[in-house]
Amino acid sequence: MKIYRYPEKNLWGEITSRPRLDLTQLNETVSTVLNDVRQRGDEAVKEYELKFDKATLASLVVSEQEIQEAEQLVSAELKAAIKLAHENIYKFHAAQKFEGQKVETQPGVSCWQKSVAIERVGLYIPGGTAPLFSTVLMLATPAKIAGCGEIVLCTPPNREGKVNPAILMAARIAGVSKIFKAGGVQAIGAMAYGTESVPKVYKIFGPGNQYVMAAKQQVSLDEVAIDMPAGPSEVCVLADDTANAEFVAADLLSQAEHGIDSQVLFITTSEQKLQEVQTEVERQLALLPRQEIAKKALDNSRLVLVNSVDEMMELSNVYAPEHLIIQTADYEQLAEKVVNAGSVFLGQYACESAGDYASGTNHTLPTHGYATAYNGVNLDSYCRKITFQHLTEEGIHHIGRAVELMAEAEQLDAHKNAMSVRIAKVNSEK
C-alpha cells in the first residue's frame, strides 16, 4: 500500500484514481460472444459454458429436482442465516414503497404518478472464486416486493454442471421465477436477447468481472436497461485517533480479498493510527486463505494522512467510494457531510460485511467513482414512474393560452392546434 502524508491537492487525482486496463481487446471478445448468442441462442450458450466453465450441459434450465437436492446440501445453520438476512433486506426495501400524490397544478389540471413494476428482470449472480448467494437476496428480494412478474436468474455452474447449493437456496427463499446455468458474457447475452430457454428481460442487474461489466454496457446501448455502470469493488475507511486499528485492517482486507483489481483507501488524521493499521494489515493478511488475491489488490491501495477532519471528508467525497466506513468519535457529524458514496457504515461496529450480508441495506452499489451520479440498487430500481394527467374545461381555461403561445414560439403548429381546437370547443359551449 502506498502511503501519502499530508498530500497537496494536486496529488488528490493520483490518490483517488482507480486501476485502469486497456479494454480494447476485451470489448472485441465480448462483442463476438454477444453476437454469437444473439444468432444461435442456447447452442452458443452451451458451447461457451463448455469453453469457459468446463461444463457440458444437456439443458440450461435448473430443474425443480436440483433445487430440492440443493436444499438438502445447505446446513440448517446457513439456511437460518440466509432467512435472517432475507427478512432484514425485505423489511428495509418494503419501507421504500412509493406513495403517489395527486397534485392540482391549476384549477382543473390534475397530475399524478403511479409506480409500476418492470415486468421481467434478469439477475446475474457470479459463481467463480466466490459464489455470491448473498447477491441473490439483494437483487431478488426488492424485485419480488416491487411486483416484477418474472424474475430470471443466470449463474455459472461448476464442472459437473451443478449450481452452488446456497445460490439455489437463496433463490428459492427470495422468490426467483426461473434459474439458468449460464455465466459470463453468454449469460448477459441470453437475458438481453432471449434464447430458446432463457426469456428476454427488460432490465439486467448484478455484479461480475470485467467481461460481464463490458457485456452489460454493450447490451444497454440498444437492447436492454441495466442497473448501473460498475467496476471493481472498493472501500474507503476514515479514522481518527479513537479508531480500532484491528477493525480498520479487517475492513480493508475484507474488501481487498474480493479480487486483484479491488481497491482500498484509508484516510486518517492520526500518524499513530496510520502506523498501527499498516502493521495490523500485514499481520491479518498472513492469516487469510485468499491472501494472494488480497496482496495484489493492496498494490492498488493507499494510506493517506491528512491535516484535519474537514480535509478527510473532502478527499472522501472526491473519491466517491462504493463503501464508506467512518470510524471516528464524531461519526454522526461527519455522516452529515457525506456527499458522494454508495453505502455508509458508521461507528466501530458497522463493518462493511454487515451491509454485504444481513443488516438490510443493499450491497449492489456504484463503483469506480459512479457514486457521484448513481445510487445503489433499491426498490425504485425495479419500477417505473408513469405520469398521468387530467384536464377539465376549467383546466383548458387556465393553461390553454399558455400552451398555444409556447407551441407557436417553438414553431410547432400542430401542437398549438391540438390545444386550439379544445379552446374553441370550450368557448362554443359557454
Protein backbone atom coordinates (compact mmCIF):
# COMPACT_ATOMS: atom_id res chain seq x y z
CA MET A 1 0.00 0.00 0.00
CA LYS A 2 1.33 3.39 -0.94
CA ILE A 3 1.50 5.98 1.84
CA TYR A 4 0.77 9.69 1.35
CA ARG A 5 1.46 12.10 4.21
CA TYR A 6 -0.23 15.48 4.07
CA PRO A 7 -0.57 15.45 0.27
CA GLU A 8 -1.23 18.70 -1.57
CA LYS A 9 -4.44 18.83 -3.61
CA ASN A 10 -2.53 18.44 -6.85
CA LEU A 11 -1.95 14.81 -5.75
CA TRP A 12 -5.59 14.04 -4.99
CA GLY A 13 -6.25 12.94 -8.57
CA GLU A 14 -3.49 10.34 -8.22
CA ILE A 15 -4.74 9.22 -4.80
CA THR A 16 -8.34 8.78 -5.96
CA SER A 17 -7.53 7.16 -9.30
CA ARG A 18 -8.69 3.60 -9.96
CA PRO A 19 -6.74 0.86 -11.74
CA ARG A 20 -7.27 1.16 -15.48
CA LEU A 21 -6.81 -1.52 -18.11
CA ASP A 22 -6.80 -1.40 -21.90
CA LEU A 23 -10.20 -2.89 -22.67
CA THR A 24 -9.97 -2.77 -26.47
CA GLN A 25 -9.34 -6.49 -26.91
CA LEU A 26 -11.78 -7.34 -24.12
CA ASN A 27 -14.59 -5.38 -25.77
CA GLU A 28 -13.96 -7.10 -29.09
CA THR A 29 -14.18 -10.51 -27.43
CA VAL A 30 -17.37 -9.54 -25.61
CA SER A 31 -18.96 -8.26 -28.82
CA THR A 32 -18.15 -11.52 -30.62
CA VAL A 33 -19.71 -13.66 -27.89
CA LEU A 34 -22.82 -11.46 -27.66
CA ASN A 35 -23.42 -11.60 -31.41
CA ASP A 36 -23.00 -15.37 -31.40
CA VAL A 37 -25.54 -15.77 -28.58
CA ARG A 38 -27.96 -13.44 -30.39
CA GLN A 39 -27.75 -15.58 -33.53
CA ARG A 40 -27.51 -19.13 -32.15
CA GLY A 41 -29.22 -18.94 -28.77
CA ASP A 42 -28.99 -21.97 -26.46
CA GLU A 43 -26.48 -23.75 -28.67
CA ALA A 44 -23.99 -20.89 -28.40
CA VAL A 45 -24.51 -20.52 -24.62
CA LYS A 46 -23.80 -24.23 -24.10
CA GLU A 47 -20.64 -24.05 -26.22
CA TYR A 48 -19.33 -21.10 -24.20
CA GLU A 49 -20.19 -22.88 -20.94
CA LEU A 50 -18.01 -25.77 -22.08
CA LYS A 51 -15.24 -23.41 -23.15
CA PHE A 52 -15.18 -21.10 -20.12
CA ASP A 53 -16.76 -23.04 -17.24
CA LYS A 54 -15.73 -26.54 -18.46
CA ALA A 55 -19.33 -27.70 -18.04
CA THR A 56 -21.12 -29.97 -20.52
CA LEU A 57 -24.81 -29.11 -20.31
CA ALA A 58 -27.76 -31.01 -21.75
CA SER A 59 -30.06 -28.19 -20.59
CA LEU A 60 -29.55 -24.66 -19.33
CA VAL A 61 -32.56 -24.90 -17.02
CA VAL A 62 -32.11 -25.65 -13.32
CA SER A 63 -34.78 -28.24 -12.53
CA GLU A 64 -37.04 -28.39 -9.50
CA GLN A 65 -35.30 -31.62 -8.53
CA GLU A 66 -31.91 -29.85 -8.49
CA ILE A 67 -33.33 -27.12 -6.26
CA GLN A 68 -34.72 -29.68 -3.83
CA GLU A 69 -31.38 -31.54 -3.77
CA ALA A 70 -29.59 -28.26 -3.05
CA GLU A 71 -31.81 -27.63 -0.03
CA GLN A 72 -30.53 -30.86 1.49
CA LEU A 73 -26.91 -29.79 0.96
CA VAL A 74 -27.21 -26.46 2.80
CA SER A 75 -26.74 -26.73 6.55
CA ALA A 76 -29.58 -25.78 8.85
CA GLU A 77 -27.39 -23.05 10.35
CA LEU A 78 -26.66 -21.46 6.98
CA LYS A 79 -30.34 -21.72 5.98
CA ALA A 80 -31.25 -19.82 9.15
CA ALA A 81 -28.64 -17.15 8.36
CA ILE A 82 -29.98 -16.75 4.81
CA LYS A 83 -33.54 -16.44 6.12
CA LEU A 84 -32.49 -13.83 8.70
CA ALA A 85 -30.71 -11.79 6.02
CA HIS A 86 -33.72 -12.08 3.71
CA GLU A 87 -36.06 -10.89 6.45
CA ASN A 88 -33.94 -7.79 7.11
CA ILE A 89 -33.48 -7.00 3.42
CA TYR A 90 -37.24 -7.38 2.94
CA LYS A 91 -38.02 -5.01 5.83
CA PHE A 92 -35.66 -2.32 4.59
CA HIS A 93 -36.81 -2.43 0.97
CA ALA A 94 -40.54 -2.77 1.75
CA ALA A 95 -40.28 0.54 3.60
CA GLN A 96 -39.29 2.20 0.31
CA LYS A 97 -42.70 1.70 -1.34
CA PHE A 98 -43.80 4.76 -3.30
CA GLU A 99 -47.00 6.53 -2.35
CA GLY A 100 -48.20 8.70 -5.22
CA GLN A 101 -49.92 12.03 -4.59
CA LYS A 102 -52.39 13.74 -6.92
CA VAL A 103 -51.50 17.40 -7.42
CA GLU A 104 -53.78 20.08 -8.84
CA THR A 105 -51.28 22.35 -10.58
CA GLN A 106 -54.07 24.72 -11.69
CA PRO A 107 -57.83 24.56 -11.18
CA GLY A 108 -58.99 21.75 -13.46
CA VAL A 109 -55.47 20.41 -14.10
CA SER A 110 -54.59 17.28 -12.10
CA CYS A 111 -51.25 15.42 -12.31
CA TRP A 112 -50.03 12.32 -10.54
CA GLN A 113 -47.55 9.42 -10.70
CA LYS A 114 -48.05 5.69 -10.50
CA SER A 115 -45.24 3.26 -9.69
CA VAL A 116 -45.34 0.23 -11.99
CA ALA A 117 -43.01 -2.76 -11.65
CA ILE A 118 -40.79 -3.83 -14.54
CA GLU A 119 -42.49 -6.95 -15.86
CA ARG A 120 -39.41 -9.10 -16.45
CA VAL A 121 -35.98 -8.62 -14.85
CA GLY A 122 -32.74 -10.58 -15.15
CA LEU A 123 -30.31 -11.17 -12.30
CA TYR A 124 -26.68 -12.13 -12.85
CA ILE A 125 -25.03 -13.92 -9.93
CA PRO A 126 -21.26 -14.62 -10.08
CA GLY A 127 -20.24 -18.13 -9.14
CA GLY A 128 -16.50 -18.22 -9.72
CA THR A 129 -13.91 -17.66 -6.98
CA ALA A 130 -16.74 -16.58 -4.66
CA PRO A 131 -20.33 -17.80 -5.29
CA LEU A 132 -22.29 -14.73 -4.24
CA PHE A 133 -25.53 -16.20 -2.93
CA SER A 134 -25.98 -13.05 -0.83
CA THR A 135 -26.40 -11.11 -4.08
CA VAL A 136 -29.40 -13.29 -4.91
CA LEU A 137 -31.12 -11.92 -1.81
CA MET A 138 -30.06 -8.35 -2.59
CA LEU A 139 -31.45 -8.44 -6.14
CA ALA A 140 -34.42 -10.80 -6.00
CA THR A 141 -35.96 -9.54 -2.75
CA PRO A 142 -36.73 -5.97 -3.93
CA ALA A 143 -37.80 -7.36 -7.32
CA LYS A 144 -40.37 -9.51 -5.56
CA ILE A 145 -41.56 -6.64 -3.35
CA ALA A 146 -41.88 -4.37 -6.40
CA GLY A 147 -44.10 -6.94 -8.10
CA CYS A 148 -41.92 -7.91 -11.07
CA GLY A 149 -43.87 -10.61 -12.88
CA GLU A 150 -40.88 -12.73 -13.87
CA ILE A 151 -37.50 -12.84 -12.11
CA VAL A 152 -34.88 -14.64 -14.21
CA LEU A 153 -31.54 -15.65 -12.72
CA CYS A 154 -28.37 -16.74 -14.51
CA THR A 155 -25.33 -18.11 -12.71
CA PRO A 156 -22.38 -20.25 -13.88
CA PRO A 157 -22.34 -23.95 -12.99
CA ASN A 158 -19.34 -25.94 -11.78
CA ARG A 159 -17.59 -28.51 -13.95
CA GLU A 160 -20.21 -31.11 -13.03
CA GLY A 161 -22.92 -28.81 -14.34
CA LYS A 162 -24.27 -28.03 -10.88
CA VAL A 163 -25.12 -24.63 -9.42
CA ASN A 164 -23.86 -23.76 -5.94
CA PRO A 165 -26.50 -25.06 -3.46
CA ALA A 166 -26.56 -21.85 -1.41
CA ILE A 167 -27.35 -19.84 -4.55
CA LEU A 168 -30.32 -22.11 -5.28
CA MET A 169 -31.44 -21.96 -1.66
CA ALA A 170 -31.32 -18.15 -1.62
CA ALA A 171 -33.19 -18.04 -4.94
CA ARG A 172 -36.00 -20.21 -3.56
CA ILE A 173 -36.30 -18.07 -0.41
CA ALA A 174 -36.29 -14.77 -2.33
CA GLY A 175 -38.85 -15.87 -4.94
CA VAL A 176 -36.86 -16.24 -8.18
CA SER A 177 -39.05 -17.49 -11.05
CA LYS A 178 -36.53 -19.25 -13.29
CA ILE A 179 -32.88 -20.22 -12.87
CA PHE A 180 -30.42 -20.97 -15.67
CA LYS A 181 -26.92 -22.41 -15.82
CA ALA A 182 -25.08 -19.69 -17.68
CA GLY A 183 -22.21 -17.44 -16.68
CA GLY A 184 -20.15 -14.60 -18.05
CA VAL A 185 -20.87 -12.76 -21.28
CA GLN A 186 -23.06 -15.57 -22.61
CA ALA A 187 -25.45 -15.17 -19.66
CA ILE A 188 -25.79 -11.43 -20.26
CA GLY A 189 -26.42 -12.06 -23.95
CA ALA A 190 -29.02 -14.73 -23.21
CA MET A 191 -31.01 -12.41 -20.92
CA ALA A 192 -30.62 -9.42 -23.25
CA TYR A 193 -31.66 -11.14 -26.49
CA GLY A 194 -33.57 -14.18 -25.27
CA THR A 195 -32.86 -17.76 -26.35
CA GLU A 196 -34.93 -20.92 -26.72
CA SER A 197 -34.66 -21.42 -22.95
CA VAL A 198 -33.83 -18.03 -21.41
CA PRO A 199 -36.53 -15.33 -21.60
CA LYS A 200 -35.60 -11.89 -22.88
CA VAL A 201 -35.71 -9.45 -19.96
CA TYR A 202 -36.21 -5.69 -19.82
CA LYS A 203 -33.51 -4.86 -17.28
CA ILE A 204 -30.40 -6.71 -16.08
CA PHE A 205 -28.99 -6.44 -12.56
CA GLY A 206 -25.91 -7.82 -10.88
CA PRO A 207 -22.14 -7.63 -10.47
CA GLY A 208 -19.44 -9.53 -12.34
CA ASN A 209 -15.94 -9.42 -13.71
CA GLN A 210 -14.76 -7.00 -16.39
CA TYR A 211 -16.19 -9.19 -19.16
CA VAL A 212 -19.61 -9.20 -17.53
CA MET A 213 -19.50 -5.45 -16.96
CA ALA A 214 -18.48 -4.82 -20.56
CA ALA A 215 -21.26 -7.10 -21.77
CA LYS A 216 -23.86 -5.25 -19.68
CA GLN A 217 -22.73 -1.91 -21.03
CA GLN A 218 -22.77 -3.16 -24.64
CA VAL A 219 -26.28 -4.62 -24.48
CA SER A 220 -27.52 -1.47 -22.73
CA LEU A 221 -26.75 0.59 -25.84
CA ASP A 222 -29.58 -0.84 -27.90
CA GLU A 223 -31.31 -3.79 -26.27
CA VAL A 224 -31.97 -3.70 -22.52
CA ALA A 225 -31.60 -1.48 -19.46
CA ILE A 226 -29.01 -2.23 -16.76
CA ASP A 227 -28.82 -1.35 -13.08
CA MET A 228 -25.70 0.83 -13.29
CA PRO A 229 -22.21 1.02 -14.77
CA ALA A 230 -19.75 -0.61 -12.40
CA GLY A 231 -16.16 -1.59 -11.93
CA PRO A 232 -14.12 -3.44 -9.31
CA SER A 233 -15.28 -3.25 -5.69
CA GLU A 234 -13.79 -0.70 -3.28
CA VAL A 235 -13.88 0.69 0.25
CA CYS A 236 -12.75 3.91 1.90
CA VAL A 237 -12.20 3.98 5.68
CA LEU A 238 -11.99 7.26 7.60
CA ALA A 239 -10.43 7.16 11.07
CA ASP A 240 -9.24 9.41 13.86
CA ASP A 241 -7.10 8.51 16.87
CA THR A 242 -10.04 6.75 18.57
CA ALA A 243 -10.38 4.13 15.82
CA ASN A 244 -9.71 0.45 16.46
CA ALA A 245 -6.75 -0.46 14.21
CA GLU A 246 -7.66 -4.16 14.22
CA PHE A 247 -11.18 -3.35 13.00
CA VAL A 248 -9.88 -0.96 10.33
CA ALA A 249 -7.40 -3.51 8.99
CA ALA A 250 -10.10 -6.18 8.92
CA ASP A 251 -12.36 -3.86 6.92
CA LEU A 252 -9.63 -3.05 4.42
CA LEU A 253 -8.78 -6.71 3.91
CA SER A 254 -12.40 -7.80 3.64
CA GLN A 255 -12.58 -5.61 0.56
CA ALA A 256 -9.16 -6.48 -0.80
CA GLU A 257 -10.00 -10.21 -0.93
CA HIS A 258 -12.78 -9.57 -3.47
CA GLY A 259 -10.40 -9.54 -6.42
CA ILE A 260 -6.99 -8.46 -7.63
CA ASP A 261 -8.49 -5.29 -9.13
CA SER A 262 -10.30 -4.26 -5.94
CA GLN A 263 -9.09 -1.14 -4.14
CA VAL A 264 -8.98 0.12 -0.56
CA LEU A 265 -8.32 3.67 0.65
CA PHE A 266 -7.55 4.56 4.27
CA ILE A 267 -7.67 8.22 5.30
CA THR A 268 -6.74 9.32 8.80
CA THR A 269 -5.83 12.36 10.85
CA SER A 270 -3.51 10.32 13.10
CA GLU A 271 0.09 9.32 12.28
CA GLN A 272 0.00 6.74 15.06
CA LYS A 273 -3.19 5.18 13.69
CA LEU A 274 -1.70 5.03 10.19
CA GLN A 275 1.24 3.03 11.50
CA GLU A 276 -0.96 0.78 13.65
CA VAL A 277 -3.24 -0.01 10.72
CA GLN A 278 -0.32 -0.72 8.40
CA THR A 279 1.12 -3.20 10.92
CA GLU A 280 -2.27 -4.81 11.54
CA VAL A 281 -2.95 -5.23 7.82
CA GLU A 282 0.31 -7.14 7.42
CA ARG A 283 -0.48 -9.36 10.42
CA GLN A 284 -4.02 -10.23 9.31
CA LEU A 285 -3.05 -10.64 5.66
CA ALA A 286 -0.74 -13.52 6.54
CA LEU A 287 -3.70 -15.40 8.01
CA LEU A 288 -6.04 -15.12 5.00
CA PRO A 289 -6.72 -18.07 2.68
CA ARG A 290 -7.18 -15.56 -0.19
CA GLN A 291 -4.02 -13.63 0.70
CA GLU A 292 -2.57 -13.78 -2.82
CA ILE A 293 -5.65 -12.03 -4.20
CA ALA A 294 -5.63 -9.50 -1.35
CA LYS A 295 -1.92 -8.77 -1.83
CA LYS A 296 -2.46 -7.78 -5.45
CA ALA A 297 -5.44 -5.62 -4.51
CA LEU A 298 -3.34 -3.85 -1.88
CA ASP A 299 -0.89 -2.86 -4.63
CA ASN A 300 -3.68 -0.58 -5.94
CA SER A 301 -4.42 0.80 -2.48
CA ARG A 302 -3.38 3.84 -0.42
CA LEU A 303 -2.92 5.02 3.14
CA VAL A 304 -3.36 8.78 3.47
CA LEU A 305 -2.55 11.07 6.41
CA VAL A 306 -4.33 14.43 6.28
CA ASN A 307 -4.33 17.59 8.38
CA SER A 308 -7.94 17.74 9.53
CA VAL A 309 -11.33 16.06 9.65
CA ASP A 310 -12.63 18.51 7.04
CA GLU A 311 -9.83 17.56 4.66
CA MET A 312 -10.55 13.88 5.30
CA MET A 313 -14.20 14.33 4.33
CA GLU A 314 -13.36 16.42 1.28
CA LEU A 315 -10.95 13.78 -0.03
CA SER A 316 -13.52 11.05 0.58
CA ASN A 317 -16.16 12.94 -1.38
CA VAL A 318 -13.72 13.38 -4.26
CA TYR A 319 -13.04 9.62 -4.22
CA ALA A 320 -16.81 8.80 -4.13
CA PRO A 321 -16.36 5.30 -2.71
CA GLU A 322 -18.67 2.36 -3.18
CA HIS A 323 -18.41 1.64 0.56
CA LEU A 324 -17.54 4.33 3.10
CA ILE A 325 -16.72 3.42 6.70
CA ILE A 326 -16.48 6.29 9.20
CA GLN A 327 -14.74 5.11 12.35
CA THR A 328 -14.34 8.34 14.28
CA ALA A 329 -15.58 9.72 17.59
CA ASP A 330 -17.84 12.22 15.77
CA TYR A 331 -19.15 9.88 13.07
CA GLU A 332 -22.69 11.28 13.31
CA GLN A 333 -21.49 14.79 12.47
CA LEU A 334 -19.28 13.52 9.65
CA ALA A 335 -22.15 11.49 8.21
CA GLU A 336 -23.96 14.76 7.53
CA LYS A 337 -21.04 15.83 5.31
CA VAL A 338 -21.13 12.77 3.07
CA VAL A 339 -21.97 13.85 -0.48
CA ASN A 340 -20.64 11.02 -2.66
CA ALA A 341 -20.81 7.39 -1.51
CA GLY A 342 -22.68 4.22 -2.31
CA SER A 343 -23.33 3.00 1.23
CA VAL A 344 -22.06 4.40 4.55
CA PHE A 345 -21.13 2.48 7.72
CA LEU A 346 -20.97 4.44 10.96
CA GLY A 347 -19.01 3.73 14.13
CA GLN A 348 -16.68 0.95 15.24
CA TYR A 349 -19.14 -1.90 14.89
CA ALA A 350 -20.68 -1.17 11.49
CA CYS A 351 -18.38 -3.24 9.32
CA GLU A 352 -18.93 -3.44 5.57
CA SER A 353 -19.70 -7.15 5.96
CA ALA A 354 -22.90 -6.25 7.82
CA GLY A 355 -24.23 -4.43 4.78
CA ASP A 356 -22.88 -7.08 2.43
CA TYR A 357 -25.00 -9.73 4.09
CA ALA A 358 -27.59 -9.11 6.73
CA SER A 359 -28.21 -5.58 8.04
CA GLY A 360 -30.87 -4.96 5.38
CA THR A 361 -29.29 -2.38 3.06
CA ASN A 362 -28.45 -3.37 -0.50
CA HIS A 363 -24.88 -4.26 -1.41
CA THR A 364 -25.25 -3.70 -5.16
CA LEU A 365 -23.63 -0.29 -5.34
CA PRO A 366 -21.96 2.15 -7.76
CA THR A 367 -18.18 1.79 -8.03
CA HIS A 368 -15.34 3.46 -9.94
CA GLY A 369 -16.47 6.94 -8.89
CA TYR A 370 -20.01 6.50 -10.23
CA ALA A 371 -21.35 7.29 -6.75
CA THR A 372 -21.10 10.94 -7.83
CA ALA A 373 -24.18 10.35 -10.01
CA TYR A 374 -25.68 6.94 -9.21
CA ASN A 375 -27.22 5.30 -6.17
CA GLY A 376 -27.21 1.63 -5.27
CA VAL A 377 -29.99 -0.80 -6.11
CA ASN A 378 -33.23 -0.09 -4.24
CA LEU A 379 -36.95 -0.72 -4.70
CA ASP A 380 -37.25 2.06 -7.28
CA SER A 381 -34.65 0.25 -9.42
CA TYR A 382 -37.37 -2.28 -10.28
CA CYS A 383 -40.12 0.23 -11.00
CA ARG A 384 -41.04 2.89 -13.49
CA LYS A 385 -42.91 6.03 -12.56
CA ILE A 386 -45.69 6.64 -15.09
CA THR A 387 -47.21 10.12 -15.04
CA PHE A 388 -50.92 10.80 -15.52
CA GLN A 389 -52.83 13.99 -16.06
CA HIS A 390 -56.47 15.01 -16.44
CA LEU A 391 -57.83 18.33 -17.70
CA THR A 392 -61.35 19.68 -17.39
CA GLU A 393 -62.87 22.61 -19.26
CA GLU A 394 -61.72 24.78 -16.38
CA GLY A 395 -58.20 23.42 -16.87
CA ILE A 396 -58.28 24.40 -20.55
CA HIS A 397 -59.28 27.90 -19.48
CA HIS A 398 -56.31 28.18 -17.09
CA ILE A 399 -53.44 26.79 -19.21
CA GLY A 400 -54.76 26.66 -22.79
CA ARG A 401 -53.48 30.06 -23.96
CA ALA A 402 -50.04 29.45 -22.39
CA VAL A 403 -49.79 26.18 -24.32
CA GLU A 404 -50.73 27.91 -27.57
CA LEU A 405 -48.17 30.66 -27.10
CA MET A 406 -45.35 28.26 -26.23
CA ALA A 407 -46.10 25.92 -29.16
CA GLU A 408 -46.27 28.87 -31.53
CA ALA A 409 -42.92 30.17 -30.27
CA GLU A 410 -41.37 26.76 -30.97
CA GLN A 411 -42.96 26.80 -34.46
CA LEU A 412 -44.90 23.60 -33.77
CA ASP A 413 -48.23 24.50 -35.30
CA ALA A 414 -49.82 21.07 -34.87
CA HIS A 415 -49.03 21.21 -31.16
CA LYS A 416 -50.75 24.61 -30.98
CA ASN A 417 -53.74 23.35 -32.92
CA ALA A 418 -54.28 20.37 -30.58
CA MET A 419 -54.97 22.89 -27.83
CA SER A 420 -56.68 25.48 -30.04
CA VAL A 421 -59.48 23.11 -31.11
CA ARG A 422 -60.19 22.36 -27.48
CA ILE A 423 -60.26 26.03 -26.53
CA ALA A 424 -62.71 26.63 -29.38
CA LYS A 425 -64.91 23.77 -28.16
CA VAL A 426 -64.92 25.06 -24.60
CA ASN A 427 -65.71 28.63 -25.74
CA SER A 428 -68.54 27.45 -28.00
CA GLU A 429 -70.28 25.81 -25.08
CA LYS A 430 -70.30 28.90 -22.90
